[in-house]
Amino acid sequence: MLLTGLIFVHARVREHLDMPLLNERAEIVKVLGLTDLCLFTEARYTRHPSLADMATAFQDHPMSLEHFPSGAIVPVPPHLKYRIK
């Protein structure tokens, strides 16, 4: 029980100590206009899901199958789930 309490205390102290660095990084992201986090390096629609469009996955050929493993892991971006009619 003591160990659990120490874990929470440590997390709180680290949060307090790291807040200036996190705020600085948030400001850099805001100023530079950086996009989302790049988790995969294969295809551009898996590198930056927020920038994907409806045809990006079929950029090589309209009937091409998914040939990147990350394409099966990354879900469809929210802005592409619902189409405005």
C-alpha atoms as a PDB file:
ATOM      1  CA  MET A   1       0.000   0.000   0.000  1.00  0.00           C
ATOM      2  CA  LEU A   2       2.873   2.331   0.771  1.00  0.00           C
ATOM      3  CA  LEU A   3       4.422   1.582  -2.608  1.00  0.00           C
ATOM      4  CA  THR A   4       1.159   2.450  -4.370  1.00  0.00           C
ATOM      5  CA  GLY A   5       0.995   5.737  -2.503  1.00  0.00           C
ATOM      6  CA  LEU A   6       4.592   6.529  -3.416  1.00  0.00           C
ATOM      7  CA  ILE A   7       3.856   5.832  -7.082  1.00  0.00           C
ATOM      8  CA  PHE A   8       1.051   8.402  -7.063  1.00  0.00           C
ATOM      9  CA  VAL A   9       3.170  10.939  -5.183  1.00  0.00           C
ATOM     10  CA  HIS A  10       6.011  10.455  -7.657  1.00  0.00           C
ATOM     11  CA  ALA A  11       3.642  10.916 -10.607  1.00  0.00           C
ATOM     12  CA  ARG A  12       2.299  14.139  -9.109  1.00  0.00           C
ATOM     13  CA  VAL A  13       5.792  15.515  -8.447  1.00  0.00           C
ATOM     14  CA  ARG A  14       6.969  14.627 -11.994  1.00  0.00           C
ATOM     15  CA  GLU A  15       3.867  16.261 -13.457  1.00  0.00           C
ATOM     16  CA  HIS A  16       4.621  19.447 -11.545  1.00  0.00           C
ATOM     17  CA  LEU A  17       8.307  19.434 -12.535  1.00  0.00           C
ATOM     18  CA  ASP A  18       7.648  18.624 -16.213  1.00  0.00           C
ATOM     19  CA  MET A  19       4.836  21.143 -16.752  1.00  0.00           C
ATOM     20  CA  PRO A  20       7.111  23.991 -17.974  1.00  0.00           C
ATOM     21  CA  LEU A  21       8.660  21.690 -20.584  1.00  0.00           C
ATOM     22  CA  LEU A  22       5.246  20.430 -21.719  1.00  0.00           C
ATOM     23  CA  ASN A  23       3.947  23.996 -22.015  1.00  0.00           C
ATOM     24  CA  GLU A  24       7.015  24.975 -24.036  1.00  0.00           C
ATOM     25  CA  ARG A  25       6.524  22.047 -26.412  1.00  0.00           C
ATOM     26  CA  ALA A  26       2.827  22.844 -26.771  1.00  0.00           C
ATOM     27  CA  GLU A  27       3.748  26.405 -27.736  1.00  0.00           C
ATOM     28  CA  ILE A  28       6.253  25.132 -30.327  1.00  0.00           C
ATOM     29  CA  VAL A  29       3.571  22.886 -31.844  1.00  0.00           C
ATOM     30  CA  LYS A  30       1.139  25.806 -31.944  1.00  0.00           C
ATOM     31  CA  VAL A  31       3.617  28.261 -33.502  1.00  0.00           C
ATOM     32  CA  LEU A  32       4.952  25.822 -36.105  1.00  0.00           C
ATOM     33  CA  GLY A  33       1.527  24.367 -36.903  1.00  0.00           C
ATOM     34  CA  LEU A  34       2.726  20.785 -36.537  1.00  0.00           C
ATOM     35  CA  THR A  35       0.418  17.917 -37.436  1.00  0.00           C
ATOM     36  CA  ASP A  36      -0.410  14.807 -35.483  1.00  0.00           C
ATOM     37  CA  LEU A  37       2.111  12.344 -34.155  1.00  0.00           C
ATOM     38  CA  CYS A  38       3.815  10.138 -36.748  1.00  0.00           C
ATOM     39  CA  LEU A  39       3.539   6.521 -35.542  1.00  0.00           C
ATOM     40  CA  PHE A  40       4.236   4.705 -38.798  1.00  0.00           C
ATOM     41  CA  THR A  41       6.689   5.491 -41.592  1.00  0.00           C
ATOM     42  CA  GLU A  42       5.138   3.438 -44.379  1.00  0.00           C
ATOM     43  CA  ALA A  43       2.342   5.207 -46.210  1.00  0.00           C
ATOM     44  CA  ARG A  44       1.373   8.860 -45.923  1.00  0.00           C
ATOM     45  CA  TYR A  45      -2.199   8.010 -44.896  1.00  0.00           C
ATOM     46  CA  THR A  46      -0.841   6.088 -41.904  1.00  0.00           C
ATOM     47  CA  ARG A  47       1.824   8.698 -41.063  1.00  0.00           C
ATOM     48  CA  HIS A  48      -0.646  11.567 -40.852  1.00  0.00           C
ATOM     49  CA  PRO A  49      -4.243  10.278 -40.541  1.00  0.00           C
ATOM     50  CA  SER A  50      -5.651  13.784 -40.056  1.00  0.00           C
ATOM     51  CA  LEU A  51      -4.432  14.721 -43.541  1.00  0.00           C
ATOM     52  CA  ALA A  52      -5.797  11.647 -45.332  1.00  0.00           C
ATOM     53  CA  ASP A  53      -8.590  11.870 -47.908  1.00  0.00           C
ATOM     54  CA  MET A  54     -10.965   9.284 -49.394  1.00  0.00           C
ATOM     55  CA  ALA A  55      -8.647   8.308 -52.271  1.00  0.00           C
ATOM     56  CA  THR A  56      -5.310   8.252 -50.469  1.00  0.00           C
ATOM     57  CA  ALA A  57      -5.359   4.535 -49.743  1.00  0.00           C
ATOM     58  CA  PHE A  58      -5.870   3.830 -53.470  1.00  0.00           C
ATOM     59  CA  GLN A  59      -3.134   6.146 -54.721  1.00  0.00           C
ATOM     60  CA  ASP A  60      -1.289   3.357 -56.562  1.00  0.00           C
ATOM     61  CA  HIS A  61      -4.280   1.796 -58.297  1.00  0.00           C
ATOM     62  CA  PRO A  62      -8.070   2.045 -57.758  1.00  0.00           C
ATOM     63  CA  MET A  63      -8.375  -1.725 -57.168  1.00  0.00           C
ATOM     64  CA  SER A  64      -5.162  -2.174 -55.189  1.00  0.00           C
ATOM     65  CA  LEU A  65      -5.223  -4.093 -51.939  1.00  0.00           C
ATOM     66  CA  GLU A  66      -3.717  -2.753 -48.733  1.00  0.00           C
ATOM     67  CA  HIS A  67      -0.046  -3.711 -48.822  1.00  0.00           C
ATOM     68  CA  PHE A  68       1.162  -1.892 -45.718  1.00  0.00           C
ATOM     69  CA  PRO A  69       0.674  -3.654 -42.377  1.00  0.00           C
ATOM     70  CA  SER A  70      -0.015  -0.374 -40.619  1.00  0.00           C
ATOM     71  CA  GLY A  71      -3.015   0.244 -42.884  1.00  0.00           C
ATOM     72  CA  ALA A  72      -4.782  -2.627 -41.123  1.00  0.00           C
ATOM     73  CA  ILE A  73      -4.021  -1.167 -37.691  1.00  0.00           C
ATOM     74  CA  VAL A  74      -4.832   2.523 -38.159  1.00  0.00           C
ATOM     75  CA  PRO A  75      -8.581   3.227 -37.970  1.00  0.00           C
ATOM     76  CA  VAL A  76     -10.380   5.473 -40.428  1.00  0.00           C
ATOM     77  CA  PRO A  77      -9.895   9.128 -39.403  1.00  0.00           C
ATOM     78  CA  PRO A  78     -13.003  10.699 -37.821  1.00  0.00           C
ATOM     79  CA  HIS A  79     -13.359  13.286 -40.571  1.00  0.00           C
ATOM     80  CA  LEU A  80     -13.735  10.479 -43.139  1.00  0.00           C
ATOM     81  CA  LYS A  81     -16.256   8.350 -41.237  1.00  0.00           C
ATOM     82  CA  TYR A  82     -19.225  10.568 -41.948  1.00  0.00           C
ATOM     83  CA  ARG A  83     -19.669  12.049 -45.381  1.00  0.00           C
ATOM     84  CA  ILE A  84     -21.725  15.215 -45.788  1.00  0.00           C
ATOM     85  CA  LYS A  85     -24.359  14.710 -48.444  1.00  0.00           C
END
